[in-house]
PDB file of N, CA and C in Angstrom:
ATOM      1  N   MET A   1      10.893   2.954 -32.909  1.00  0.00           N
ATOM      2  CA  MET A   1       9.450   2.315 -32.297  1.00  0.00           C
ATOM      3  C   MET A   1       8.469   3.263 -32.099  1.00  0.00           C
ATOM      4  N   ALA A   2       7.068   2.293 -33.111  1.00  0.00           N
ATOM      5  CA  ALA A   2       6.104   3.612 -33.494  1.00  0.00           C
ATOM      6  C   ALA A   2       5.585   3.528 -31.958  1.00  0.00           C
ATOM      7  N   THR A   3       4.810   4.280 -31.477  1.00  0.00           N
ATOM      8  CA  THR A   3       4.358   4.728 -30.343  1.00  0.00           C
ATOM      9  C   THR A   3       2.462   4.944 -30.918  1.00  0.00           C
ATOM     10  N   VAL A   4       1.975   4.105 -29.553  1.00  0.00           N
ATOM     11  CA  VAL A   4       0.378   4.180 -29.579  1.00  0.00           C
ATOM     12  C   VAL A   4       0.024   4.968 -28.417  1.00  0.00           C
ATOM     13  N   ASN A   5      -1.599   5.331 -28.752  1.00  0.00           N
ATOM     14  CA  ASN A   5      -2.255   5.853 -27.495  1.00  0.00           C
ATOM     15  C   ASN A   5      -3.107   4.823 -26.902  1.00  0.00           C
ATOM     16  N   ILE A   6      -2.659   5.157 -25.484  1.00  0.00           N
ATOM     17  CA  ILE A   6      -3.575   4.731 -24.628  1.00  0.00           C
ATOM     18  C   ILE A   6      -4.854   5.607 -23.973  1.00  0.00           C
ATOM     19  N   THR A   7      -5.659   5.132 -23.763  1.00  0.00           N
ATOM     20  CA  THR A   7      -6.950   6.449 -23.291  1.00  0.00           C
ATOM     21  C   THR A   7      -7.438   5.577 -21.916  1.00  0.00           C
ATOM     22  N   VAL A   8      -7.621   6.436 -20.572  1.00  0.00           N
ATOM     23  CA  VAL A   8      -7.707   6.126 -19.248  1.00  0.00           C
ATOM     24  C   VAL A   8      -8.743   7.082 -18.826  1.00  0.00           C
ATOM     25  N   ARG A   9      -9.690   6.788 -18.480  1.00  0.00           N
ATOM     26  CA  ARG A   9     -10.406   7.632 -17.836  1.00  0.00           C
ATOM     27  C   ARG A   9     -10.516   7.864 -16.114  1.00  0.00           C
ATOM     28  N   VAL A  10     -10.331   9.288 -16.148  1.00  0.00           N
ATOM     29  CA  VAL A  10     -10.313   9.508 -14.303  1.00  0.00           C
ATOM     30  C   VAL A  10     -11.487  10.723 -14.134  1.00  0.00           C
ATOM     31  N   ASP A  11     -11.884  11.009 -12.789  1.00  0.00           N
ATOM     32  CA  ASP A  11     -12.385  11.873 -12.422  1.00  0.00           C
ATOM     33  C   ASP A  11     -11.699  13.390 -12.708  1.00  0.00           C
ATOM     34  N   GLU A  12     -12.140  14.640 -12.871  1.00  0.00           N
ATOM     35  CA  GLU A  12     -11.538  15.623 -13.510  1.00  0.00           C
ATOM     36  C   GLU A  12     -10.037  16.069 -12.021  1.00  0.00           C
ATOM     37  N   GLU A  13     -10.658  15.625 -10.884  1.00  0.00           N
ATOM     38  CA  GLU A  13     -10.087  16.040  -9.513  1.00  0.00           C
ATOM     39  C   GLU A  13      -9.137  15.357  -9.431  1.00  0.00           C
ATOM     40  N   THR A  14      -8.945  13.821  -9.721  1.00  0.00           N
ATOM     41  CA  THR A  14      -7.819  13.110  -9.645  1.00  0.00           C
ATOM     42  C   THR A  14      -6.799  13.419 -10.782  1.00  0.00           C
ATOM     43  N   LYS A  15      -7.297  13.587 -11.962  1.00  0.00           N
ATOM     44  CA  LYS A  15      -6.406  13.934 -13.089  1.00  0.00           C
ATOM     45  C   LYS A  15      -5.733  15.291 -12.708  1.00  0.00           C
ATOM     46  N   ALA A  16      -6.422  16.503 -12.432  1.00  0.00           N
ATOM     47  CA  ALA A  16      -5.497  17.117 -11.708  1.00  0.00           C
ATOM     48  C   ALA A  16      -4.816  17.307 -10.772  1.00  0.00           C
ATOM     49  N   SER A  17      -5.391  16.380  -9.616  1.00  0.00           N
ATOM     50  CA  SER A  17      -3.659  16.108  -8.501  1.00  0.00           C
ATOM     51  C   SER A  17      -2.475  15.084  -9.175  1.00  0.00           C
ATOM     52  N   PHE A  18      -3.119  14.054  -9.765  1.00  0.00           N
ATOM     53  CA  PHE A  18      -1.811  13.872 -10.810  1.00  0.00           C
ATOM     54  C   PHE A  18      -1.072  14.577 -11.278  1.00  0.00           C
ATOM     55  N   ASP A  19      -1.993  15.379 -12.402  1.00  0.00           N
ATOM     56  CA  ASP A  19      -0.934  16.142 -13.090  1.00  0.00           C
ATOM     57  C   ASP A  19      -0.336  17.014 -12.066  1.00  0.00           C
ATOM     58  N   GLU A  20      -0.372  17.729 -10.934  1.00  0.00           N
ATOM     59  CA  GLU A  20       0.425  18.523 -10.363  1.00  0.00           C
ATOM     60  C   GLU A  20       1.239  17.808  -9.855  1.00  0.00           C
ATOM     61  N   PHE A  21       1.064  16.828  -9.180  1.00  0.00           N
ATOM     62  CA  PHE A  21       2.201  15.553  -8.349  1.00  0.00           C
ATOM     63  C   PHE A  21       3.408  15.434  -9.517  1.00  0.00           C
ATOM     64  N   CYS A  22       2.984  15.110 -10.775  1.00  0.00           N
ATOM     65  CA  CYS A  22       4.036  14.946 -11.975  1.00  0.00           C
ATOM     66  C   CYS A  22       4.502  16.223 -12.076  1.00  0.00           C
ATOM     67  N   SER A  23       3.966  17.541 -12.099  1.00  0.00           N
ATOM     68  CA  SER A  23       4.937  18.740 -12.300  1.00  0.00           C
ATOM     69  C   SER A  23       5.953  19.128 -10.961  1.00  0.00           C
ATOM     70  N   ASN A  24       5.222  18.602  -9.876  1.00  0.00           N
ATOM     71  CA  ASN A  24       6.181  18.916  -8.764  1.00  0.00           C
ATOM     72  C   ASN A  24       7.349  17.982  -8.887  1.00  0.00           C
ATOM     73  N   VAL A  25       7.365  16.602  -9.601  1.00  0.00           N
ATOM     74  CA  VAL A  25       8.762  15.895  -9.641  1.00  0.00           C
ATOM     75  C   VAL A  25       9.086  15.910 -10.785  1.00  0.00           C
ATOM     76  N   GLY A  26       8.805  16.633 -12.059  1.00  0.00           N
ATOM     77  CA  GLY A  26       9.317  17.181 -12.797  1.00  0.00           C
ATOM     78  C   GLY A  26       9.191  16.397 -13.973  1.00  0.00           C
ATOM     79  N   MET A  27       8.017  15.632 -13.903  1.00  0.00           N
ATOM     80  CA  MET A  27       7.563  15.061 -15.294  1.00  0.00           C
ATOM     81  C   MET A  27       6.210  15.175 -15.821  1.00  0.00           C
ATOM     82  N   ASN A  28       5.639  14.793 -16.287  1.00  0.00           N
ATOM     83  CA  ASN A  28       4.457  14.763 -16.802  1.00  0.00           C
ATOM     84  C   ASN A  28       3.803  13.637 -16.904  1.00  0.00           C
ATOM     85  N   ALA A  29       2.469  13.372 -16.771  1.00  0.00           N
ATOM     86  CA  ALA A  29       1.375  12.226 -16.854  1.00  0.00           C
ATOM     87  C   ALA A  29       2.034  11.136 -17.564  1.00  0.00           C
ATOM     88  N   THR A  30       2.252  11.614 -18.812  1.00  0.00           N
ATOM     89  CA  THR A  30       2.573  10.608 -20.078  1.00  0.00           C
ATOM     90  C   THR A  30       4.129   9.966 -19.471  1.00  0.00           C
ATOM     91  N   SER A  31       4.858  10.629 -18.925  1.00  0.00           N
ATOM     92  CA  SER A  31       6.097  10.004 -18.606  1.00  0.00           C
ATOM     93  C   SER A  31       6.083   9.101 -17.332  1.00  0.00           C
ATOM     94  N   ALA A  32       5.107   9.564 -16.049  1.00  0.00           N
ATOM     95  CA  ALA A  32       4.799   8.733 -15.162  1.00  0.00           C
ATOM     96  C   ALA A  32       4.235   7.414 -15.760  1.00  0.00           C
ATOM     97  N   VAL A  33       2.986   7.323 -16.602  1.00  0.00           N
ATOM     98  CA  VAL A  33       2.412   6.119 -16.865  1.00  0.00           C
ATOM     99  C   VAL A  33       3.543   5.417 -17.724  1.00  0.00           C
ATOM    100  N   ASN A  34       4.080   5.910 -18.704  1.00  0.00           N
ATOM    101  CA  ASN A  34       4.983   5.309 -19.114  1.00  0.00           C
ATOM    102  C   ASN A  34       5.934   4.353 -18.055  1.00  0.00           C
ATOM    103  N   MET A  35       6.623   5.046 -17.057  1.00  0.00           N
ATOM    104  CA  MET A  35       7.436   4.890 -15.780  1.00  0.00           C
ATOM    105  C   MET A  35       6.663   3.301 -15.188  1.00  0.00           C
ATOM    106  N   PHE A  36       5.593   3.523 -14.927  1.00  0.00           N
ATOM    107  CA  PHE A  36       4.476   2.468 -14.298  1.00  0.00           C
ATOM    108  C   PHE A  36       4.312   1.381 -15.272  1.00  0.00           C
ATOM    109  N   ILE A  37       3.976   1.322 -16.490  1.00  0.00           N
ATOM    110  CA  ILE A  37       3.878   0.365 -17.632  1.00  0.00           C
ATOM    111  C   ILE A  37       5.481  -0.586 -17.387  1.00  0.00           C
ATOM    112  N   LYS A  38       6.577   0.516 -17.654  1.00  0.00           N
ATOM    113  CA  LYS A  38       7.925  -0.052 -17.445  1.00  0.00           C
ATOM    114  C   LYS A  38       8.251  -0.866 -16.552  1.00  0.00           C
ATOM    115  N   ALA A  39       8.095  -0.324 -15.366  1.00  0.00           N
ATOM    116  CA  ALA A  39       8.305  -1.288 -14.143  1.00  0.00           C
ATOM    117  C   ALA A  39       7.361  -2.372 -13.984  1.00  0.00           C
ATOM    118  N   VAL A  40       6.327  -2.558 -14.414  1.00  0.00           N
ATOM    119  CA  VAL A  40       5.509  -3.785 -14.260  1.00  0.00           C
ATOM    120  C   VAL A  40       6.167  -4.729 -15.407  1.00  0.00           C
ATOM    121  N   LEU A  41       6.452  -4.089 -16.437  1.00  0.00           N
ATOM    122  CA  LEU A  41       7.027  -5.189 -17.570  1.00  0.00           C
ATOM    123  C   LEU A  41       8.452  -5.351 -17.011  1.00  0.00           C
ATOM    124  N   ARG A  42       9.253  -4.536 -16.167  1.00  0.00           N
ATOM    125  CA  ARG A  42      10.388  -5.378 -15.828  1.00  0.00           C
ATOM    126  C   ARG A  42      10.382  -6.426 -14.627  1.00  0.00           C
ATOM    127  N   THR A  43       9.285  -6.232 -13.629  1.00  0.00           N
ATOM    128  CA  THR A  43       9.383  -7.155 -12.526  1.00  0.00           C
ATOM    129  C   THR A  43       8.217  -7.831 -12.731  1.00  0.00           C
ATOM    130  N   ARG A  44       7.246  -7.964 -13.646  1.00  0.00           N
ATOM    131  CA  ARG A  44       6.291  -8.889 -13.659  1.00  0.00           C
ATOM    132  C   ARG A  44       5.373  -8.877 -12.677  1.00  0.00           C
ATOM    133  N   GLU A  45       5.536  -7.700 -12.219  1.00  0.00           N
ATOM    134  CA  GLU A  45       4.306  -7.516 -10.941  1.00  0.00           C
ATOM    135  C   GLU A  45       3.892  -5.891 -11.051  1.00  0.00           C
ATOM    136  N   LEU A  46       3.187  -5.912 -10.230  1.00  0.00           N
ATOM    137  CA  LEU A  46       2.552  -4.106 -10.110  1.00  0.00           C
ATOM    138  C   LEU A  46       3.596  -3.620  -8.980  1.00  0.00           C
ATOM    139  N   PRO A  47       3.632  -2.652  -8.772  1.00  0.00           N
ATOM    140  CA  PRO A  47       4.981  -1.943  -8.415  1.00  0.00           C
ATOM    141  C   PRO A  47       4.129  -1.424  -6.619  1.00  0.00           C
ATOM    142  N   PHE A  48       3.019  -2.180  -6.287  1.00  0.00           N
ATOM    143  CA  PHE A  48       2.750  -1.854  -4.890  1.00  0.00           C
ATOM    144  C   PHE A  48       1.647  -3.176  -4.692  1.00  0.00           C
ATOM    145  N   LYS A  49       1.273  -3.339  -3.591  1.00  0.00           N
ATOM    146  CA  LYS A  49       0.378  -4.358  -3.288  1.00  0.00           C
ATOM    147  C   LYS A  49      -0.907  -4.318  -3.371  1.00  0.00           C
ATOM    148  N   VAL A  50      -1.415  -5.158  -3.802  1.00  0.00           N
ATOM    149  CA  VAL A  50      -3.009  -5.209  -4.286  1.00  0.00           C
ATOM    150  C   VAL A  50      -3.611  -6.362  -3.527  1.00  0.00           C
ATOM    151  N   THR A  51      -4.667  -5.823  -2.406  1.00  0.00           N
ATOM    152  CA  THR A  51      -5.648  -7.009  -1.818  1.00  0.00           C
ATOM    153  C   THR A  51      -6.727  -6.452  -1.417  1.00  0.00           C
ATOM    154  N   ASP A  52      -7.654  -7.674  -1.129  1.00  0.00           N
ATOM    155  CA  ASP A  52      -9.130  -7.303  -0.871  1.00  0.00           C
ATOM    156  C   ASP A  52      -9.401  -7.396   0.282  1.00  0.00           C
ATOM    157  N   ILE A  53     -10.144  -6.697   0.872  1.00  0.00           N
ATOM    158  CA  ILE A  53     -10.949  -6.578   2.308  1.00  0.00           C
ATOM    159  C   ILE A  53     -12.302  -6.244   2.034  1.00  0.00           C
ATOM    160  N   ASN A  54     -13.529  -7.332   2.509  1.00  0.00           N
ATOM    161  CA  ASN A  54     -14.744  -6.852   2.052  1.00  0.00           C
ATOM    162  C   ASN A  54     -15.277  -6.249   3.361  1.00  0.00           C
ATOM    163  N   GLU A  55     -16.405  -5.710   2.904  1.00  0.00           N
ATOM    164  CA  GLU A  55     -17.071  -4.496   3.904  1.00  0.00           C
ATOM    165  C   GLU A  55     -17.065  -5.198   5.128  1.00  0.00           C
ATOM    166  N   ASN A  56     -17.837  -6.225   5.396  1.00  0.00           N
ATOM    167  CA  ASN A  56     -18.109  -6.991   6.599  1.00  0.00           C
ATOM    168  C   ASN A  56     -16.766  -6.954   7.582  1.00  0.00           C
ATOM    169  N   ASP A  57     -16.204  -7.331   7.009  1.00  0.00           N
ATOM    170  CA  ASP A  57     -14.401  -7.385   7.689  1.00  0.00           C
ATOM    171  C   ASP A  57     -13.972  -6.086   8.101  1.00  0.00           C
ATOM    172  N   LYS A  58     -14.193  -5.142   7.320  1.00  0.00           N
ATOM    173  CA  LYS A  58     -14.096  -3.797   7.600  1.00  0.00           C
ATOM    174  C   LYS A  58     -14.754  -2.962   8.752  1.00  0.00           C
ATOM    175  N   LYS A  59     -15.945  -3.596   8.509  1.00  0.00           N
ATOM    176  CA  LYS A  59     -16.595  -3.182   9.650  1.00  0.00           C
ATOM    177  C   LYS A  59     -16.332  -3.808  10.842  1.00  0.00           C
ATOM    178  N   PHE A  60     -15.906  -4.958  10.843  1.00  0.00           N
ATOM    179  CA  PHE A  60     -15.438  -6.167  12.045  1.00  0.00           C
ATOM    180  C   PHE A  60     -14.242  -5.226  13.246  1.00  0.00           C
ATOM    181  N   ILE A  61     -13.133  -5.167  11.754  1.00  0.00           N
ATOM    182  CA  ILE A  61     -11.965  -4.963  12.231  1.00  0.00           C
ATOM    183  C   ILE A  61     -12.015  -3.383  12.893  1.00  0.00           C
ATOM    184  N   GLY A  62     -12.456  -2.527  12.113  1.00  0.00           N
ATOM    185  CA  GLY A  62     -12.769  -1.146  12.404  1.00  0.00           C
ATOM    186  C   GLY A  62     -11.600  -0.434  11.658  1.00  0.00           C
ATOM    187  N   THR A  63     -12.023   0.556  10.943  1.00  0.00           N
ATOM    188  CA  THR A  63     -10.927   1.247  10.483  1.00  0.00           C
ATOM    189  C   THR A  63      -9.847   1.599  10.648  1.00  0.00           C
ATOM    190  N   GLN A  64      -9.441   2.085  11.791  1.00  0.00           N
ATOM    191  CA  GLN A  64      -8.153   2.461  12.533  1.00  0.00           C
ATOM    192  C   GLN A  64      -7.303   1.057  13.142  1.00  0.00           C
ATOM    193  N   ALA A  65      -7.764  -0.028  13.334  1.00  0.00           N
ATOM    194  CA  ALA A  65      -7.093  -1.327  13.601  1.00  0.00           C
ATOM    195  C   ALA A  65      -7.112  -1.712  12.129  1.00  0.00           C
ATOM    196  N   PHE A  66      -7.577  -1.625  11.121  1.00  0.00           N
ATOM    197  CA  PHE A  66      -7.245  -2.164   9.880  1.00  0.00           C
ATOM    198  C   PHE A  66      -5.994  -1.237   9.341  1.00  0.00           C
ATOM    199  N   GLU A  67      -6.209   0.215   9.481  1.00  0.00           N
ATOM    200  CA  GLU A  67      -4.975   0.540   8.811  1.00  0.00           C
ATOM    201  C   GLU A  67      -3.633   0.656   9.581  1.00  0.00           C
ATOM    202  N   SER A  68      -3.538   0.291  11.081  1.00  0.00           N
ATOM    203  CA  SER A  68      -2.766   0.020  11.786  1.00  0.00           C
ATOM    204  C   SER A  68      -2.190  -0.927  11.740  1.00  0.00           C
ATOM    205  N   ILE A  69      -2.707  -2.729  11.421  1.00  0.00           N
ATOM    206  CA  ILE A  69      -2.334  -3.586  10.742  1.00  0.00           C
ATOM    207  C   ILE A  69      -1.882  -3.271   9.423  1.00  0.00           C
ATOM    208  N   SER A  70      -2.432  -2.710   8.594  1.00  0.00           N
ATOM    209  CA  SER A  70      -1.620  -2.494   7.085  1.00  0.00           C
ATOM    210  C   SER A  70      -0.387  -1.759   7.389  1.00  0.00           C
ATOM    211  N   SER A  71      -0.305  -0.934   8.403  1.00  0.00           N
ATOM    212  CA  SER A  71       0.987  -0.339   8.291  1.00  0.00           C
ATOM    213  C   SER A  71       2.178  -1.508   9.133  1.00  0.00           C
ATOM    214  N   MET A  72       1.355  -2.083  10.390  1.00  0.00           N
ATOM    215  CA  MET A  72       2.700  -3.343  10.516  1.00  0.00           C
ATOM    216  C   MET A  72       3.065  -3.964   9.341  1.00  0.00           C
ATOM    217  N   ARG A  73       2.526  -4.027   8.591  1.00  0.00           N
ATOM    218  CA  ARG A  73       2.472  -5.297   7.486  1.00  0.00           C
ATOM    219  C   ARG A  73       3.502  -4.622   6.506  1.00  0.00           C
ATOM    220  N   ARG A  74       3.501  -3.543   6.200  1.00  0.00           N
ATOM    221  CA  ARG A  74       4.107  -2.588   5.657  1.00  0.00           C
ATOM    222  C   ARG A  74       5.735  -2.558   6.140  1.00  0.00           C
ATOM    223  N   VAL A  75       5.571  -2.209   7.235  1.00  0.00           N
ATOM    224  CA  VAL A  75       7.060  -1.893   8.082  1.00  0.00           C
ATOM    225  C   VAL A  75       7.418  -3.583   8.139  1.00  0.00           C
ATOM    226  N   SER A  76       7.376  -4.671   8.473  1.00  0.00           N
ATOM    227  CA  SER A  76       7.459  -5.769   8.356  1.00  0.00           C
ATOM    228  C   SER A  76       8.014  -6.240   7.302  1.00  0.00           C
ATOM    229  N   GLU A  77       7.556  -5.753   6.017  1.00  0.00           N
ATOM    230  CA  GLU A  77       7.925  -6.014   4.837  1.00  0.00           C
ATOM    231  C   GLU A  77       8.770  -5.184   4.208  1.00  0.00           C
ATOM    232  N   ARG A  78       9.257  -4.253   4.762  1.00  0.00           N
ATOM    233  CA  ARG A  78      10.228  -3.378   4.694  1.00  0.00           C
ATOM    234  C   ARG A  78      11.497  -3.972   5.182  1.00  0.00           C
ATOM    235  N   ASN A  79      11.243  -4.745   6.377  1.00  0.00           N
ATOM    236  CA  ASN A  79      12.412  -5.105   7.251  1.00  0.00           C
ATOM    237  C   ASN A  79      12.646  -6.049   6.792  1.00  0.00           C
ATOM    238  N   GLY A  80      11.970  -7.011   5.789  1.00  0.00           N
ATOM    239  CA  GLY A  80      12.539  -8.465   5.403  1.00  0.00           C
ATOM    240  C   GLY A  80      11.912  -9.485   6.510  1.00  0.00           C
ATOM    241  N   ASN A  81      11.066  -9.263   6.877  1.00  0.00           N
ATOM    242  CA  ASN A  81      10.386 -10.074   7.774  1.00  0.00           C
ATOM    243  C   ASN A  81       9.364 -10.789   7.222  1.00  0.00           C
ATOM    244  N   SER A  82       9.095 -12.143   7.553  1.00  0.00           N
ATOM    245  CA  SER A  82       8.232 -12.693   6.820  1.00  0.00           C
ATOM    246  C   SER A  82       6.341 -12.865   7.829  1.00  0.00           C
ATOM    247  N   GLU A  83       5.772 -13.307   7.287  1.00  0.00           N
ATOM    248  CA  GLU A  83       4.238 -13.442   8.239  1.00  0.00           C
ATOM    249  C   GLU A  83       4.679 -14.143   9.422  1.00  0.00           C
ATOM    250  N   MET A  84       3.966 -13.272  10.387  1.00  0.00           N
ATOM    251  CA  MET A  84       3.886 -14.186  11.563  1.00  0.00           C
ATOM    252  C   MET A  84       2.932 -15.382  11.880  1.00  0.00           C
ATOM    253  N   THR A  85       3.145 -16.378  12.487  1.00  0.00           N
ATOM    254  CA  THR A  85       1.917 -17.173  13.062  1.00  0.00           C
ATOM    255  C   THR A  85       1.324 -16.588  13.819  1.00  0.00           C
ATOM    256  N   LEU A  86       0.119 -17.154  14.403  1.00  0.00           N
ATOM    257  CA  LEU A  86      -1.137 -16.970  15.119  1.00  0.00           C
ATOM    258  C   LEU A  86      -0.270 -16.964  16.466  1.00  0.00           C
ATOM    259  N   GLU A  87       0.391 -17.667  16.980  1.00  0.00           N
ATOM    260  CA  GLU A  87       1.124 -17.928  18.014  1.00  0.00           C
ATOM    261  C   GLU A  87       1.846 -16.703  18.519  1.00  0.00           C
ATOM    262  N   GLN A  88       2.782 -16.473  17.140  1.00  0.00           N
ATOM    263  CA  GLN A  88       3.711 -15.686  17.400  1.00  0.00           C
ATOM    264  C   GLN A  88       2.866 -13.951  17.754  1.00  0.00           C
ATOM    265  N   ILE A  89       1.726 -13.954  16.906  1.00  0.00           N
ATOM    266  CA  ILE A  89       1.070 -12.776  17.125  1.00  0.00           C
ATOM    267  C   ILE A  89       0.869 -12.774  18.637  1.00  0.00           C
ATOM    268  N   ASN A  90       0.251 -13.414  19.153  1.00  0.00           N
ATOM    269  CA  ASN A  90      -0.290 -13.829  20.359  1.00  0.00           C
ATOM    270  C   ASN A  90       0.529 -13.642  21.332  1.00  0.00           C
ATOM    271  N   ALA A  91       1.583 -14.054  21.273  1.00  0.00           N
ATOM    272  CA  ALA A  91       2.793 -13.676  22.112  1.00  0.00           C
ATOM    273  C   ALA A  91       3.669 -12.444  22.423  1.00  0.00           C
ATOM    274  N   GLU A  92       3.247 -11.726  21.190  1.00  0.00           N
ATOM    275  CA  GLU A  92       3.722 -10.467  21.194  1.00  0.00           C
ATOM    276  C   GLU A  92       2.680  -9.597  21.628  1.00  0.00           C
ATOM    277  N   ILE A  93       1.358  -9.788  21.680  1.00  0.00           N
ATOM    278  CA  ILE A  93       0.290  -9.034  22.281  1.00  0.00           C
ATOM    279  C   ILE A  93       0.267  -9.333  23.778  1.00  0.00           C
ATOM    280  N   ASN A  94       0.634 -10.534  24.200  1.00  0.00           N
ATOM    281  CA  ASN A  94       0.635 -10.817  25.639  1.00  0.00           C
ATOM    282  C   ASN A  94       2.051 -10.299  26.496  1.00  0.00           C
ATOM    283  N   ALA A  95       2.989 -10.185  25.591  1.00  0.00           N
ATOM    284  CA  ALA A  95       4.152  -9.299  26.073  1.00  0.00           C
ATOM    285  C   ALA A  95       3.660  -7.993  26.265  1.00  0.00           C
ATOM    286  N   VAL A  96       3.296  -7.271  25.339  1.00  0.00           N
ATOM    287  CA  VAL A  96       2.886  -5.860  25.167  1.00  0.00           C
ATOM    288  C   VAL A  96       1.794  -5.414  26.727  1.00  0.00           C
ATOM    289  N   ARG A  97       0.564  -6.392  26.740  1.00  0.00           N
ATOM    290  CA  ARG A  97      -0.168  -6.297  27.919  1.00  0.00           C
ATOM    291  C   ARG A  97       0.794  -6.421  28.994  1.00  0.00           C
ATOM    292  N   LYS A  98       1.367  -7.358  29.207  1.00  0.00           N
ATOM    293  CA  LYS A  98       2.568  -7.507  30.428  1.00  0.00           C
ATOM    294  C   LYS A  98       3.244  -6.281  30.692  1.00  0.00           C
ATOM    295  N   GLU A  99       3.971  -5.692  29.301  1.00  0.00           N
ATOM    296  CA  GLU A  99       4.676  -4.364  30.075  1.00  0.00           C
ATOM    297  C   GLU A  99       3.967  -3.303  30.020  1.00  0.00           C
ATOM    298  N   LYS A 100       2.759  -3.141  29.773  1.00  0.00           N
ATOM    299  CA  LYS A 100       1.574  -1.932  30.200  1.00  0.00           C
ATOM    300  C   LYS A 100       1.416  -2.182  31.498  1.00  0.00           C
ATOM    301  N   LEU A 101       1.132  -3.323  32.013  1.00  0.00           N
ATOM    302  CA  LEU A 101       0.818  -3.390  33.378  1.00  0.00           C
ATOM    303  C   LEU A 101       1.924  -3.092  34.478  1.00  0.00           C
ATOM    304  N   ASN A 102       2.902  -3.554  34.005  1.00  0.00           N
ATOM    305  CA  ASN A 102       4.230  -3.247  34.657  1.00  0.00           C
ATOM    306  C   ASN A 102       4.668  -1.763  34.900  1.00  0.00           C
ATOM    307  N   ASP A 103       4.102  -1.141  33.878  1.00  0.00           N
ATOM    308  CA  ASP A 103       4.217   0.592  33.619  1.00  0.00           C
ATOM    309  C   ASP A 103       3.325   1.234  34.528  1.00  0.00           C
ATOM    310  N   ALA A 104       2.343   0.272  34.746  1.00  0.00           N
ATOM    311  CA  ALA A 104       0.968   0.890  35.332  1.00  0.00           C
ATOM    312  C   ALA A 104       1.146   0.802  36.920  1.00  0.00           C
TER     313      ALA A 104
END
């Protein structure tokens, strides 16, 4: 099968870091990009979650809270848990608050 070139533009620092990572795991950037493309074609989805949150939401939630929520969501997805309802979330918050009051 014939091969073709794909040109991707990234800043120098990003490319250097990516090249270093690839070297550390025993491959080059071409192999890594090919793996990415094949994974997308095999699964018909990106191999990571893509989301959007607007700047007003980030400011409202706060960076640390946003990171905590994202981390908890990743753990939940890894454990096979589905999204929680607002009532379930509130119940967990209330349980933690009650536990903290009992520990105090």
